[in-house]
Protein backbone atom coordinates (compact mmCIF):
# COMPACT_ATOMS: atom_id res chain seq x y z
CA MET A 1 -0.06 -0.05 0.05
CA PRO A 2 1.48 3.54 -1.01
CA LYS A 3 2.35 6.16 1.59
CA VAL A 4 -0.47 8.46 2.44
CA LYS A 5 0.62 12.10 1.51
CA THR A 6 -0.07 15.39 3.40
CA HIS A 7 -1.88 17.99 1.40
CA SER A 8 0.97 20.30 -0.15
CA ARG A 9 -0.88 23.61 0.22
CA ALA A 10 -2.17 22.71 3.89
CA LYS A 11 1.30 22.04 5.24
CA LYS A 12 2.41 25.53 3.87
CA THR A 13 -0.68 27.40 5.21
CA PHE A 14 -1.23 25.89 8.68
CA LYS A 15 0.90 25.86 11.57
CA ILE A 16 0.20 23.86 14.79
CA THR A 17 0.92 25.82 18.18
CA GLY A 18 2.33 24.19 21.18
CA SER A 19 -1.18 24.00 22.85
CA GLY A 20 -2.47 22.24 19.84
CA LYS A 21 -4.45 24.80 18.20
CA ILE A 22 -4.06 25.22 14.38
CA THR A 23 -3.25 28.82 13.17
CA TYR A 24 -3.04 30.37 9.86
CA ARG A 25 -1.98 33.66 8.18
CA LYS A 26 -5.08 35.82 7.52
CA PRO A 27 -5.66 36.72 3.79
CA THR A 28 -5.61 40.30 2.07
CA ARG A 29 -2.25 41.22 3.60
CA GLY A 30 -0.15 40.80 0.50
CA HIS A 31 -0.57 43.86 -1.45
CA LEU A 32 -2.66 46.98 -2.24
CA LEU A 33 -2.25 48.16 1.41
CA THR A 34 -2.36 51.88 0.81
CA LYS A 35 -6.14 51.76 0.69
CA LYS A 36 -6.64 49.74 3.66
CA THR A 37 -6.98 51.42 7.05
CA ASN A 38 -4.17 51.09 9.79
CA LYS A 39 -6.79 49.48 12.07
CA ARG A 40 -7.42 46.95 9.44
CA LYS A 41 -3.97 46.18 8.77
CA ARG A 42 -3.18 45.85 12.44
CA ALA A 43 -5.84 43.43 12.79
CA LEU A 44 -4.55 41.32 9.91
CA ARG A 45 -1.24 41.09 11.65
CA VAL A 46 -2.74 38.68 14.28
CA GLN A 47 -2.68 34.97 13.23
CA GLY A 48 -6.02 33.40 12.78
CA VAL A 49 -7.13 30.44 14.50
CA VAL A 50 -9.05 27.68 12.84
CA HIS A 51 -12.80 27.48 13.81
CA HIS A 52 -13.81 24.34 15.60
CA ALA A 53 -16.20 23.67 12.92
CA ASN A 54 -13.43 23.29 10.39
CA LEU A 55 -10.89 21.71 12.71
CA ASP A 56 -11.71 17.97 11.52
CA PHE A 57 -11.46 18.94 7.95
CA VAL A 58 -7.88 20.91 8.43
CA LYS A 59 -6.53 17.91 10.47
CA ARG A 60 -7.59 15.45 7.65
CA LEU A 61 -5.66 17.66 5.40
CA LEU A 62 -2.50 17.48 7.56
CA ARG A 63 -3.04 13.81 8.22
CA LEU A 64 -3.17 14.42 12.04
CA LYS A 65 -6.03 12.01 12.65
């Protein structure tokens, strides 16, 4: 039986914290930043945490289960 491969995009997108939470970088921070407010850009700096409704799906992509 062949090896089960991890989803390549998922392993680049998601990181697992020490406490077991899965974080990701929030979108829309790459370019066109001059039109975005400072408040909005500041909020985008914070890592997003995967919602519990999507946790099983993300874990399956990362082959954690």
